[in-house]
Amino acid sequence: MLLTRRRILSCALAAPAVIATLRRGTAAQTFKISHQFPGGTITEGDFRDRLCRMFAAEIEKRTGGALTGQVYPNSSLMKTVAQFSALRKGALDLSLYPISYAGGEFAELNIGLMPGLVSSYKQGAAWKTSEIGKKFTAFLAEKGVIMVSWIWQAGGVASRSAPIVNPQDVKGLKVRGGSREMDMVLQAAGATTLSTPSNELYAAMQTGACDAAITSSTSLISFRLEEVAKSLTTGRGKSYWFMLEPLIMSKKIFDALPKDQQDMIMALGRELEEFGTKEAMADDEKVADVYAKKGAKVSDLDEPTVEKWRAIARDTAWKDYAARTPLSAELLKLAEGVSVS
């Protein structure tokens, strides 16, 4: 078929747009972002899901569509604990992940939920720029994981019966602590412990398989534990339970990106830390209202009570953790030196 002059001109004008589209299609990369928490929208719901959606939206905006993100909430892409291993292998791009969940794979990571070690958001935030943060970040990178956003969360206790305030209150109960080290403290206080991801706590408490659960304020709300609890001990003001729950990325995926995209991701991660901390602190207050409205008895902690838990932790969890590897001992010593209150 002969081409007319008009058809040739039309094709010539269209070519740059077609080429540009093909280039965008070739360069575009969609990150899989997984987490265990309930899904929502960028403005409503669990702040951890919102943070992931904000990250996805911003990388698309800042790269002009070259990078995008798809969020998979509620462990819908893969099971909760498996996400860390998947990141290391490059089978998953990003996850907002309770870092101590990977303590079974690498004992050093259990410092991310070491009872009594971190007692305020300021102290937790100070880890990032202190020697403890540098060592911890380097260790994760060596294992194939990049720390994108440092997110700390205080926690509280939801109980099916009487309030859990002092260590003796857990005697004879089945309690979920959230980490190996927290379980050691609970066992020393007379409890039987359960290894249950936070997204499975509702069913465990509803059936009576779990008498009380310690988890973040946000999870106490998002997983609707107020429906199966009669008592709440909050983490507002004072807490012996602070969890490091960062946004992490596969180093294999990160290293394959051009330098400008790597820099953009890390800059965005830093920006989202402020959002995460603000929302976590807001949930520390909100959780008390949520449970009170359901008729639960709400209690708070004071420093003498926190010290009771810390004293048990020093003699059990801290000693055990320090003895596990030379790096564990070093990390614990460095963390103890971060005394911002």
C-alpha atoms as a PDB file:
ATOM      1  CA  MET A   1       0.000   0.000   0.000  1.00  0.00           C
ATOM      2  CA  LEU A   2       1.324   3.409  -1.003  1.00  0.00           C
ATOM      3  CA  LEU A   3       1.682   5.993   1.784  1.00  0.00           C
ATOM      4  CA  THR A   4       0.231   9.391   1.146  1.00  0.00           C
ATOM      5  CA  ARG A   5       2.137  12.506   2.230  1.00  0.00           C
ATOM      6  CA  ARG A   6      -0.521  13.202   4.878  1.00  0.00           C
ATOM      7  CA  ARG A   7      -0.161   9.655   6.345  1.00  0.00           C
ATOM      8  CA  ILE A   8       3.640   9.926   6.469  1.00  0.00           C
ATOM      9  CA  LEU A   9       3.387  13.281   8.243  1.00  0.00           C
ATOM     10  CA  SER A  10       0.829  11.875  10.681  1.00  0.00           C
ATOM     11  CA  CYS A  11       3.063   8.921  11.524  1.00  0.00           C
ATOM     12  CA  ALA A  12       6.070  11.165  11.952  1.00  0.00           C
ATOM     13  CA  LEU A  13       4.214  13.407  14.375  1.00  0.00           C
ATOM     14  CA  ALA A  14       2.949  10.427  16.359  1.00  0.00           C
ATOM     15  CA  ALA A  15       6.316   8.658  16.585  1.00  0.00           C
ATOM     16  CA  PRO A  16       7.841  10.675  19.460  1.00  0.00           C
ATOM     17  CA  ALA A  17       4.770  10.103  21.612  1.00  0.00           C
ATOM     18  CA  VAL A  18       4.800   6.374  20.841  1.00  0.00           C
ATOM     19  CA  ILE A  19       8.519   6.130  21.609  1.00  0.00           C
ATOM     20  CA  ALA A  20       8.069   8.073  24.846  1.00  0.00           C
ATOM     21  CA  THR A  21       5.246   5.770  25.883  1.00  0.00           C
ATOM     22  CA  LEU A  22       7.353   2.709  25.144  1.00  0.00           C
ATOM     23  CA  ARG A  23      10.257   4.151  27.106  1.00  0.00           C
ATOM     24  CA  ARG A  24       8.002   4.877  30.069  1.00  0.00           C
ATOM     25  CA  GLY A  25       6.626   1.368  29.866  1.00  0.00           C
ATOM     26  CA  THR A  26      10.100  -0.122  29.810  1.00  0.00           C
ATOM     27  CA  ALA A  27      11.401   2.041  32.664  1.00  0.00           C
ATOM     28  CA  ALA A  28       8.314   1.895  34.870  1.00  0.00           C
ATOM     29  CA  GLN A  29       8.670  -0.282  37.947  1.00  0.00           C
ATOM     30  CA  THR A  30       5.890  -1.137  40.369  1.00  0.00           C
ATOM     31  CA  PHE A  31       6.994  -1.910  43.901  1.00  0.00           C
ATOM     32  CA  LYS A  32       5.104  -4.534  45.886  1.00  0.00           C
ATOM     33  CA  ILE A  33       4.596  -3.092  49.396  1.00  0.00           C
ATOM     34  CA  SER A  34       3.340  -5.617  51.941  1.00  0.00           C
ATOM     35  CA  HIS A  35       2.236  -5.420  55.567  1.00  0.00           C
ATOM     36  CA  GLN A  36       0.032  -7.270  58.075  1.00  0.00           C
ATOM     37  CA  PHE A  37      -2.285  -4.434  59.049  1.00  0.00           C
ATOM     38  CA  PRO A  38      -5.850  -3.631  57.938  1.00  0.00           C
ATOM     39  CA  GLY A  39      -6.146  -1.785  54.655  1.00  0.00           C
ATOM     40  CA  GLY A  40      -7.721   1.620  54.213  1.00  0.00           C
ATOM     41  CA  THR A  41      -7.099   4.702  52.115  1.00  0.00           C
ATOM     42  CA  ILE A  42      -4.370   7.300  52.014  1.00  0.00           C
ATOM     43  CA  THR A  43      -6.384   9.465  54.420  1.00  0.00           C
ATOM     44  CA  GLU A  44      -8.342   6.934  56.525  1.00  0.00           C
ATOM     45  CA  GLY A  45      -7.484   3.869  58.552  1.00  0.00           C
ATOM     46  CA  ASP A  46      -4.421   2.384  60.251  1.00  0.00           C
ATOM     47  CA  PHE A  47      -1.600   4.910  59.929  1.00  0.00           C
ATOM     48  CA  ARG A  48       0.866   2.188  58.921  1.00  0.00           C
ATOM     49  CA  ASP A  49      -1.234   1.329  55.875  1.00  0.00           C
ATOM     50  CA  ARG A  50      -1.631   5.041  55.165  1.00  0.00           C
ATOM     51  CA  LEU A  51       2.131   5.546  55.382  1.00  0.00           C
ATOM     52  CA  CYS A  52       2.667   2.820  52.790  1.00  0.00           C
ATOM     53  CA  ARG A  53       0.067   4.381  50.494  1.00  0.00           C
ATOM     54  CA  MET A  54       1.647   7.821  50.937  1.00  0.00           C
ATOM     55  CA  PHE A  55       5.001   6.323  50.001  1.00  0.00           C
ATOM     56  CA  ALA A  56       3.527   4.733  46.862  1.00  0.00           C
ATOM     57  CA  ALA A  57       1.786   7.936  45.802  1.00  0.00           C
ATOM     58  CA  GLU A  58       4.850  10.092  46.373  1.00  0.00           C
ATOM     59  CA  ILE A  59       7.326   7.920  44.512  1.00  0.00           C
ATOM     60  CA  GLU A  60       5.005   7.942  41.506  1.00  0.00           C
ATOM     61  CA  LYS A  61       4.673  11.724  41.728  1.00  0.00           C
ATOM     62  CA  ARG A  62       8.368  12.402  42.250  1.00  0.00           C
ATOM     63  CA  THR A  63       9.531  10.065  39.470  1.00  0.00           C
ATOM     64  CA  GLY A  64       6.860  11.073  36.960  1.00  0.00           C
ATOM     65  CA  GLY A  65       5.498   7.554  36.940  1.00  0.00           C
ATOM     66  CA  ALA A  66       8.827   5.769  36.493  1.00  0.00           C
ATOM     67  CA  LEU A  67       8.296   4.183  39.914  1.00  0.00           C
ATOM     68  CA  THR A  68       4.924   3.209  41.346  1.00  0.00           C
ATOM     69  CA  GLY A  69       3.757   1.165  44.299  1.00  0.00           C
ATOM     70  CA  GLN A  70       1.033  -1.374  44.998  1.00  0.00           C
ATOM     71  CA  VAL A  71       0.113  -1.859  48.668  1.00  0.00           C
ATOM     72  CA  TYR A  72      -0.919  -5.320  49.900  1.00  0.00           C
ATOM     73  CA  PRO A  73      -2.461  -4.977  53.400  1.00  0.00           C
ATOM     74  CA  ASN A  74      -3.462  -7.639  55.903  1.00  0.00           C
ATOM     75  CA  SER A  75      -0.743 -10.092  54.752  1.00  0.00           C
ATOM     76  CA  SER A  76      -2.726 -10.552  51.532  1.00  0.00           C
ATOM     77  CA  LEU A  77       0.395 -10.992  49.401  1.00  0.00           C
ATOM     78  CA  MET A  78       2.287 -13.305  51.752  1.00  0.00           C
ATOM     79  CA  LYS A  79       2.250 -14.396  55.375  1.00  0.00           C
ATOM     80  CA  THR A  80       3.467 -11.911  57.964  1.00  0.00           C
ATOM     81  CA  VAL A  81       6.753 -13.408  59.166  1.00  0.00           C
ATOM     82  CA  ALA A  82       7.763 -14.562  55.670  1.00  0.00           C
ATOM     83  CA  GLN A  83       7.975 -10.982  54.413  1.00  0.00           C
ATOM     84  CA  PHE A  84      11.454 -10.394  55.837  1.00  0.00           C
ATOM     85  CA  SER A  85      12.984 -13.391  54.099  1.00  0.00           C
ATOM     86  CA  ALA A  86      11.231 -12.420  50.860  1.00  0.00           C
ATOM     87  CA  LEU A  87      12.787  -8.953  51.062  1.00  0.00           C
ATOM     88  CA  ARG A  88      16.248 -10.417  51.503  1.00  0.00           C
ATOM     89  CA  LYS A  89      15.798 -12.518  48.369  1.00  0.00           C
ATOM     90  CA  GLY A  90      14.326  -9.683  46.300  1.00  0.00           C
ATOM     91  CA  ALA A  91      10.966 -11.493  46.032  1.00  0.00           C
ATOM     92  CA  LEU A  92       9.293  -8.567  47.838  1.00  0.00           C
ATOM     93  CA  ASP A  93      10.168  -4.899  47.387  1.00  0.00           C
ATOM     94  CA  LEU A  94       9.070  -3.197  50.628  1.00  0.00           C
ATOM     95  CA  SER A  95       7.341  -4.006  53.888  1.00  0.00           C
ATOM     96  CA  LEU A  96       6.277  -2.121  56.985  1.00  0.00           C
ATOM     97  CA  TYR A  97       7.517  -4.783  59.350  1.00  0.00           C
ATOM     98  CA  PRO A  98       7.863  -5.346  63.110  1.00  0.00           C
ATOM     99  CA  ILE A  99      11.610  -5.954  63.006  1.00  0.00           C
ATOM    100  CA  SER A 100      11.665  -8.325  65.982  1.00  0.00           C
ATOM    101  CA  TYR A 101       9.472 -10.745  63.979  1.00  0.00           C
ATOM    102  CA  ALA A 102      12.703 -11.645  62.163  1.00  0.00           C
ATOM    103  CA  GLY A 103      14.460 -12.413  65.450  1.00  0.00           C
ATOM    104  CA  GLY A 104      14.129 -16.130  64.803  1.00  0.00           C
ATOM    105  CA  GLU A 105      16.287 -15.677  61.713  1.00  0.00           C
ATOM    106  CA  PHE A 106      18.742 -13.211  63.226  1.00  0.00           C
ATOM    107  CA  ALA A 107      18.805 -12.949  67.020  1.00  0.00           C
ATOM    108  CA  GLU A 108      20.264  -9.434  66.878  1.00  0.00           C
ATOM    109  CA  LEU A 109      16.960  -8.066  65.535  1.00  0.00           C
ATOM    110  CA  ASN A 110      15.156  -8.821  68.793  1.00  0.00           C
ATOM    111  CA  ILE A 111      16.545  -5.581  70.159  1.00  0.00           C
ATOM    112  CA  GLY A 112      13.725  -3.934  68.203  1.00  0.00           C
ATOM    113  CA  LEU A 113      11.336  -5.005  70.972  1.00  0.00           C
ATOM    114  CA  MET A 114      13.485  -5.240  74.094  1.00  0.00           C
ATOM    115  CA  PRO A 115      11.292  -4.561  77.145  1.00  0.00           C
ATOM    116  CA  GLY A 116      12.327  -1.529  79.152  1.00  0.00           C
ATOM    117  CA  LEU A 117      15.177  -0.560  76.838  1.00  0.00           C
ATOM    118  CA  VAL A 118      13.357   2.271  75.050  1.00  0.00           C
ATOM    119  CA  SER A 119      10.996   4.318  77.179  1.00  0.00           C
ATOM    120  CA  SER A 120      10.090   7.304  74.964  1.00  0.00           C
ATOM    121  CA  TYR A 121       9.691   8.273  71.322  1.00  0.00           C
ATOM    122  CA  LYS A 122      12.589  10.709  71.603  1.00  0.00           C
ATOM    123  CA  GLN A 123      14.875   7.993  72.840  1.00  0.00           C
ATOM    124  CA  GLY A 124      13.830   5.657  70.033  1.00  0.00           C
ATOM    125  CA  ALA A 125      14.290   8.374  67.400  1.00  0.00           C
ATOM    126  CA  ALA A 126      17.775   9.081  68.759  1.00  0.00           C
ATOM    127  CA  TRP A 127      18.849   5.558  67.829  1.00  0.00           C
ATOM    128  CA  LYS A 128      18.932   6.442  64.139  1.00  0.00           C
ATOM    129  CA  THR A 129      21.768   8.946  64.398  1.00  0.00           C
ATOM    130  CA  SER A 130      23.557   7.267  67.316  1.00  0.00           C
ATOM    131  CA  GLU A 131      26.120   4.490  67.063  1.00  0.00           C
ATOM    132  CA  ILE A 132      23.418   1.892  67.789  1.00  0.00           C
ATOM    133  CA  GLY A 133      21.508   3.020  64.687  1.00  0.00           C
ATOM    134  CA  LYS A 134      24.583   2.932  62.486  1.00  0.00           C
ATOM    135  CA  LYS A 135      25.497  -0.577  63.614  1.00  0.00           C
ATOM    136  CA  PHE A 136      21.923  -1.814  63.306  1.00  0.00           C
ATOM    137  CA  THR A 137      21.485  -0.330  59.826  1.00  0.00           C
ATOM    138  CA  ALA A 138      24.787  -1.808  58.661  1.00  0.00           C
ATOM    139  CA  PHE A 139      23.810  -5.240  59.987  1.00  0.00           C
ATOM    140  CA  LEU A 140      20.482  -5.156  58.134  1.00  0.00           C
ATOM    141  CA  ALA A 141      22.171  -4.016  54.920  1.00  0.00           C
ATOM    142  CA  GLU A 142      24.592  -6.921  55.238  1.00  0.00           C
ATOM    143  CA  LYS A 143      21.568  -9.216  55.395  1.00  0.00           C
ATOM    144  CA  GLY A 144      19.968  -7.617  52.339  1.00  0.00           C
ATOM    145  CA  VAL A 145      17.559  -5.110  53.908  1.00  0.00           C
ATOM    146  CA  ILE A 146      17.507  -1.297  53.744  1.00  0.00           C
ATOM    147  CA  MET A 147      15.976   0.830  56.510  1.00  0.00           C
ATOM    148  CA  VAL A 148      13.810   3.430  54.731  1.00  0.00           C
ATOM    149  CA  SER A 149      11.742   4.876  57.621  1.00  0.00           C
ATOM    150  CA  TRP A 150      12.436   4.406  61.340  1.00  0.00           C
ATOM    151  CA  ILE A 151       9.043   4.030  63.032  1.00  0.00           C
ATOM    152  CA  TRP A 152       8.655   3.389  66.759  1.00  0.00           C
ATOM    153  CA  GLN A 153       5.385   2.573  68.509  1.00  0.00           C
ATOM    154  CA  ALA A 154       4.509   2.391  72.172  1.00  0.00           C
ATOM    155  CA  GLY A 155       2.275  -0.449  73.275  1.00  0.00           C
ATOM    156  CA  GLY A 156      -0.325  -1.380  75.828  1.00  0.00           C
ATOM    157  CA  VAL A 157      -2.133  -4.424  77.173  1.00  0.00           C
ATOM    158  CA  ALA A 158      -5.658  -5.566  76.363  1.00  0.00           C
ATOM    159  CA  SER A 159      -6.994  -8.086  78.887  1.00  0.00           C
ATOM    160  CA  ARG A 160     -10.096 -10.264  78.885  1.00  0.00           C
ATOM    161  CA  SER A 161     -10.381  -9.803  82.649  1.00  0.00           C
ATOM    162  CA  ALA A 162      -8.521  -7.722  85.259  1.00  0.00           C
ATOM    163  CA  PRO A 163      -6.038  -4.976  84.275  1.00  0.00           C
ATOM    164  CA  ILE A 164      -2.412  -5.954  83.596  1.00  0.00           C
ATOM    165  CA  VAL A 165      -0.389  -3.181  85.248  1.00  0.00           C
ATOM    166  CA  ASN A 166       2.229  -4.736  87.534  1.00  0.00           C
ATOM    167  CA  PRO A 167       4.286  -7.843  86.699  1.00  0.00           C
ATOM    168  CA  GLN A 168       2.405  -9.974  89.247  1.00  0.00           C
ATOM    169  CA  ASP A 169      -0.825  -9.312  87.355  1.00  0.00           C
ATOM    170  CA  VAL A 170       0.135 -11.790  84.609  1.00  0.00           C
ATOM    171  CA  LYS A 171       0.641 -14.775  86.910  1.00  0.00           C
ATOM    172  CA  GLY A 172      -1.272 -17.792  85.649  1.00  0.00           C
ATOM    173  CA  LEU A 173      -2.457 -16.067  82.455  1.00  0.00           C
ATOM    174  CA  LYS A 174      -1.852 -16.846  78.771  1.00  0.00           C
ATOM    175  CA  VAL A 175      -0.266 -13.670  77.385  1.00  0.00           C
ATOM    176  CA  ARG A 176       1.010 -12.611  73.996  1.00  0.00           C
ATOM    177  CA  GLY A 177       4.128 -10.454  74.420  1.00  0.00           C
ATOM    178  CA  GLY A 178       5.194  -9.800  70.833  1.00  0.00           C
ATOM    179  CA  SER A 179       8.837 -10.869  71.036  1.00  0.00           C
ATOM    180  CA  ARG A 180      11.044 -13.579  72.460  1.00  0.00           C
ATOM    181  CA  GLU A 181      12.460 -11.141  74.989  1.00  0.00           C
ATOM    182  CA  MET A 182       9.074  -9.852  76.136  1.00  0.00           C
ATOM    183  CA  ASP A 183       7.980 -13.459  76.525  1.00  0.00           C
ATOM    184  CA  MET A 184      10.947 -14.101  78.820  1.00  0.00           C
ATOM    185  CA  VAL A 185       9.853 -11.242  81.073  1.00  0.00           C
ATOM    186  CA  LEU A 186       6.278 -12.497  81.149  1.00  0.00           C
ATOM    187  CA  GLN A 187       7.396 -16.055  81.915  1.00  0.00           C
ATOM    188  CA  ALA A 188       9.561 -14.793  84.778  1.00  0.00           C
ATOM    189  CA  ALA A 189       6.463 -13.053  86.134  1.00  0.00           C
ATOM    190  CA  GLY A 190       4.467 -16.301  86.008  1.00  0.00           C
ATOM    191  CA  ALA A 191       2.640 -16.138  82.664  1.00  0.00           C
ATOM    192  CA  THR A 192       2.331 -18.679  79.874  1.00  0.00           C
ATOM    193  CA  THR A 193       3.273 -16.990  76.593  1.00  0.00           C
ATOM    194  CA  LEU A 194       1.925 -17.220  73.047  1.00  0.00           C
ATOM    195  CA  SER A 195       3.613 -16.463  69.724  1.00  0.00           C
ATOM    196  CA  THR A 196       0.744 -14.883  67.833  1.00  0.00           C
ATOM    197  CA  PRO A 197       0.991 -12.193  65.097  1.00  0.00           C
ATOM    198  CA  SER A 198      -1.100  -9.156  65.971  1.00  0.00           C
ATOM    199  CA  ASN A 199      -3.495  -9.760  63.085  1.00  0.00           C
ATOM    200  CA  GLU A 200      -4.502 -13.091  64.710  1.00  0.00           C
ATOM    201  CA  LEU A 201      -5.077 -11.730  68.216  1.00  0.00           C
ATOM    202  CA  TYR A 202      -8.801 -11.082  67.916  1.00  0.00           C
ATOM    203  CA  ALA A 203      -9.622 -14.729  67.300  1.00  0.00           C
ATOM    204  CA  ALA A 204      -7.222 -15.880  70.019  1.00  0.00           C
ATOM    205  CA  MET A 205      -8.775 -13.589  72.618  1.00  0.00           C
ATOM    206  CA  GLN A 206     -12.313 -14.261  71.464  1.00  0.00           C
ATOM    207  CA  THR A 207     -11.899 -18.018  71.954  1.00  0.00           C
ATOM    208  CA  GLY A 208     -10.028 -17.686  75.235  1.00  0.00           C
ATOM    209  CA  ALA A 209      -6.809 -19.122  73.810  1.00  0.00           C
ATOM    210  CA  CYS A 210      -5.222 -15.806  74.845  1.00  0.00           C
ATOM    211  CA  ASP A 211      -6.063 -14.010  78.103  1.00  0.00           C
ATOM    212  CA  ALA A 212      -4.165 -10.798  77.411  1.00  0.00           C
ATOM    213  CA  ALA A 213      -2.215  -9.279  74.550  1.00  0.00           C
ATOM    214  CA  ILE A 214       0.536  -6.701  74.494  1.00  0.00           C
ATOM    215  CA  THR A 215       0.784  -4.869  71.197  1.00  0.00           C
ATOM    216  CA  SER A 216       1.049  -1.357  69.784  1.00  0.00           C
ATOM    217  CA  SER A 217      -1.666   1.196  70.471  1.00  0.00           C
ATOM    218  CA  THR A 218      -2.481   1.264  66.769  1.00  0.00           C
ATOM    219  CA  SER A 219      -2.925  -2.515  66.621  1.00  0.00           C
ATOM    220  CA  LEU A 220      -5.059  -2.432  69.781  1.00  0.00           C
ATOM    221  CA  ILE A 221      -7.392  -0.185  67.768  1.00  0.00           C
ATOM    222  CA  SER A 222      -7.086  -1.589  64.244  1.00  0.00           C
ATOM    223  CA  PHE A 223      -7.676  -5.200  65.239  1.00  0.00           C
ATOM    224  CA  ARG A 224     -10.744  -4.220  67.318  1.00  0.00           C
ATOM    225  CA  LEU A 225      -9.525  -5.902  70.501  1.00  0.00           C
ATOM    226  CA  GLU A 226     -11.783  -3.597  72.510  1.00  0.00           C
ATOM    227  CA  GLU A 227     -14.610  -5.926  71.457  1.00  0.00           C
ATOM    228  CA  VAL A 228     -13.062  -8.842  73.387  1.00  0.00           C
ATOM    229  CA  ALA A 229     -11.334  -6.977  76.246  1.00  0.00           C
ATOM    230  CA  LYS A 230     -12.543  -5.782  79.639  1.00  0.00           C
ATOM    231  CA  SER A 231      -9.369  -3.912  80.601  1.00  0.00           C
ATOM    232  CA  LEU A 232      -6.713  -1.787  78.916  1.00  0.00           C
ATOM    233  CA  THR A 233      -3.337  -0.594  80.129  1.00  0.00           C
ATOM    234  CA  THR A 234      -2.202   2.192  77.822  1.00  0.00           C
ATOM    235  CA  GLY A 235       1.257   3.129  76.588  1.00  0.00           C
ATOM    236  CA  ARG A 236       0.625   6.862  76.772  1.00  0.00           C
ATOM    237  CA  GLY A 237       3.114   8.773  78.861  1.00  0.00           C
ATOM    238  CA  LYS A 238       5.043   5.737  80.093  1.00  0.00           C
ATOM    239  CA  SER A 239       5.609   2.292  78.645  1.00  0.00           C
ATOM    240  CA  TYR A 240       8.057  -0.608  78.959  1.00  0.00           C
ATOM    241  CA  TRP A 241       6.991  -1.822  75.473  1.00  0.00           C
ATOM    242  CA  PHE A 242       8.309   0.078  72.443  1.00  0.00           C
ATOM    243  CA  MET A 243       8.509  -1.682  69.095  1.00  0.00           C
ATOM    244  CA  LEU A 244      10.641  -0.717  66.114  1.00  0.00           C
ATOM    245  CA  GLU A 245       8.332  -1.173  63.127  1.00  0.00           C
ATOM    246  CA  PRO A 246      10.156   0.378  60.170  1.00  0.00           C
ATOM    247  CA  LEU A 247       9.459   0.627  56.473  1.00  0.00           C
ATOM    248  CA  ILE A 248      12.146  -1.611  54.994  1.00  0.00           C
ATOM    249  CA  MET A 249      13.218  -2.354  51.435  1.00  0.00           C
ATOM    250  CA  SER A 250      14.996  -5.152  49.638  1.00  0.00           C
ATOM    251  CA  LYS A 251      18.633  -4.155  49.148  1.00  0.00           C
ATOM    252  CA  LYS A 252      18.716  -6.185  45.958  1.00  0.00           C
ATOM    253  CA  ILE A 253      15.902  -4.063  44.524  1.00  0.00           C
ATOM    254  CA  PHE A 254      17.296  -0.823  45.962  1.00  0.00           C
ATOM    255  CA  ASP A 255      20.801  -1.387  44.570  1.00  0.00           C
ATOM    256  CA  ALA A 256      19.412  -1.929  41.074  1.00  0.00           C
ATOM    257  CA  LEU A 257      17.934   1.588  41.005  1.00  0.00           C
ATOM    258  CA  PRO A 258      19.765   4.664  39.673  1.00  0.00           C
ATOM    259  CA  LYS A 259      21.338   6.924  42.291  1.00  0.00           C
ATOM    260  CA  ASP A 260      18.744   9.697  41.933  1.00  0.00           C
ATOM    261  CA  GLN A 261      15.888   7.258  42.642  1.00  0.00           C
ATOM    262  CA  GLN A 262      17.737   5.800  45.633  1.00  0.00           C
ATOM    263  CA  ASP A 263      18.234   9.289  47.047  1.00  0.00           C
ATOM    264  CA  MET A 264      14.580  10.132  46.483  1.00  0.00           C
ATOM    265  CA  ILE A 265      13.415   6.991  48.307  1.00  0.00           C
ATOM    266  CA  MET A 266      15.620   7.680  51.318  1.00  0.00           C
ATOM    267  CA  ALA A 267      14.577  11.350  51.456  1.00  0.00           C
ATOM    268  CA  LEU A 268      10.920  10.349  51.337  1.00  0.00           C
ATOM    269  CA  GLY A 269      11.540   7.772  54.044  1.00  0.00           C
ATOM    270  CA  ARG A 270      12.938  10.480  56.320  1.00  0.00           C
ATOM    271  CA  GLU A 271       9.940  12.723  55.671  1.00  0.00           C
ATOM    272  CA  LEU A 272       7.483   9.943  56.538  1.00  0.00           C
ATOM    273  CA  GLU A 273       9.129   9.356  59.926  1.00  0.00           C
ATOM    274  CA  GLU A 274       7.571  12.533  61.271  1.00  0.00           C
ATOM    275  CA  PHE A 275       4.145  11.416  60.092  1.00  0.00           C
ATOM    276  CA  GLY A 276       4.608   7.957  61.617  1.00  0.00           C
ATOM    277  CA  THR A 277       5.693   9.254  65.013  1.00  0.00           C
ATOM    278  CA  LYS A 278       2.903  11.808  65.178  1.00  0.00           C
ATOM    279  CA  GLU A 279       0.258   9.221  64.336  1.00  0.00           C
ATOM    280  CA  ALA A 280       1.671   6.633  66.752  1.00  0.00           C
ATOM    281  CA  MET A 281       1.548   9.153  69.599  1.00  0.00           C
ATOM    282  CA  ALA A 282      -1.986  10.159  68.643  1.00  0.00           C
ATOM    283  CA  ASP A 283      -3.068   6.509  68.806  1.00  0.00           C
ATOM    284  CA  ASP A 284      -1.561   6.214  72.307  1.00  0.00           C
ATOM    285  CA  GLU A 285      -4.220   8.729  73.363  1.00  0.00           C
ATOM    286  CA  LYS A 286      -6.992   7.529  71.075  1.00  0.00           C
ATOM    287  CA  VAL A 287      -6.840   3.930  72.289  1.00  0.00           C
ATOM    288  CA  ALA A 288      -7.925   4.962  75.793  1.00  0.00           C
ATOM    289  CA  ASP A 289     -11.077   6.593  74.405  1.00  0.00           C
ATOM    290  CA  VAL A 290     -11.879   3.638  72.144  1.00  0.00           C
ATOM    291  CA  TYR A 291     -11.737   1.152  75.023  1.00  0.00           C
ATOM    292  CA  ALA A 292     -13.469   3.403  77.545  1.00  0.00           C
ATOM    293  CA  LYS A 293     -16.421   3.779  75.185  1.00  0.00           C
ATOM    294  CA  LYS A 294     -16.756  -0.006  75.166  1.00  0.00           C
ATOM    295  CA  GLY A 295     -16.833  -0.044  78.962  1.00  0.00           C
ATOM    296  CA  ALA A 296     -13.283  -1.298  79.527  1.00  0.00           C
ATOM    297  CA  LYS A 297     -11.357  -0.252  82.628  1.00  0.00           C
ATOM    298  CA  VAL A 298      -8.450   1.954  81.466  1.00  0.00           C
ATOM    299  CA  SER A 299      -5.170   2.163  83.402  1.00  0.00           C
ATOM    300  CA  ASP A 300      -1.907   4.030  82.797  1.00  0.00           C
ATOM    301  CA  LEU A 301       1.667   3.307  83.865  1.00  0.00           C
ATOM    302  CA  ASP A 302       3.975   5.421  85.994  1.00  0.00           C
ATOM    303  CA  GLU A 303       7.783   5.345  86.149  1.00  0.00           C
ATOM    304  CA  PRO A 304       8.017   3.157  89.312  1.00  0.00           C
ATOM    305  CA  THR A 305       5.816   0.543  87.633  1.00  0.00           C
ATOM    306  CA  VAL A 306       7.826   0.652  84.408  1.00  0.00           C
ATOM    307  CA  GLU A 307      10.971   0.155  86.489  1.00  0.00           C
ATOM    308  CA  LYS A 308       9.500  -3.051  87.967  1.00  0.00           C
ATOM    309  CA  TRP A 309       9.177  -4.481  84.464  1.00  0.00           C
ATOM    310  CA  ARG A 310      12.620  -3.153  83.484  1.00  0.00           C
ATOM    311  CA  ALA A 311      14.239  -4.806  86.508  1.00  0.00           C
ATOM    312  CA  ILE A 312      12.874  -8.200  85.425  1.00  0.00           C
ATOM    313  CA  ALA A 313      13.966  -7.519  81.839  1.00  0.00           C
ATOM    314  CA  ARG A 314      17.545  -6.728  82.891  1.00  0.00           C
ATOM    315  CA  ASP A 315      17.854 -10.024  84.739  1.00  0.00           C
ATOM    316  CA  THR A 316      16.248 -12.137  82.023  1.00  0.00           C
ATOM    317  CA  ALA A 317      15.805 -10.783  78.489  1.00  0.00           C
ATOM    318  CA  TRP A 318      18.715  -8.349  78.465  1.00  0.00           C
ATOM    319  CA  LYS A 319      21.193 -10.904  79.799  1.00  0.00           C
ATOM    320  CA  ASP A 320      19.959 -13.592  77.428  1.00  0.00           C
ATOM    321  CA  TYR A 321      20.104 -11.280  74.418  1.00  0.00           C
ATOM    322  CA  ALA A 322      23.622 -10.037  75.212  1.00  0.00           C
ATOM    323  CA  ALA A 323      24.876 -13.622  75.471  1.00  0.00           C
ATOM    324  CA  ARG A 324      23.551 -14.695  72.074  1.00  0.00           C
ATOM    325  CA  THR A 325      26.141 -13.042  69.783  1.00  0.00           C
ATOM    326  CA  PRO A 326      28.996 -10.546  70.157  1.00  0.00           C
ATOM    327  CA  LEU A 327      27.021  -8.031  68.093  1.00  0.00           C
ATOM    328  CA  SER A 328      23.973  -8.469  70.340  1.00  0.00           C
ATOM    329  CA  ALA A 329      26.081  -7.565  73.370  1.00  0.00           C
ATOM    330  CA  GLU A 330      27.481  -4.543  71.552  1.00  0.00           C
ATOM    331  CA  LEU A 331      24.069  -3.350  70.367  1.00  0.00           C
ATOM    332  CA  LEU A 332      22.595  -3.630  73.851  1.00  0.00           C
ATOM    333  CA  LYS A 333      25.451  -1.657  75.395  1.00  0.00           C
ATOM    334  CA  LEU A 334      25.142   1.047  72.738  1.00  0.00           C
ATOM    335  CA  ALA A 335      21.366   1.245  73.203  1.00  0.00           C
ATOM    336  CA  GLU A 336      21.734   1.632  76.951  1.00  0.00           C
ATOM    337  CA  GLY A 337      23.918   4.649  76.232  1.00  0.00           C
ATOM    338  CA  VAL A 338      21.072   6.443  74.419  1.00  0.00           C
ATOM    339  CA  SER A 339      19.464   8.058  77.456  1.00  0.00           C
ATOM    340  CA  VAL A 340      17.249  10.744  75.901  1.00  0.00           C
ATOM    341  CA  SER A 341      13.949  10.837  77.819  1.00  0.00           C
END
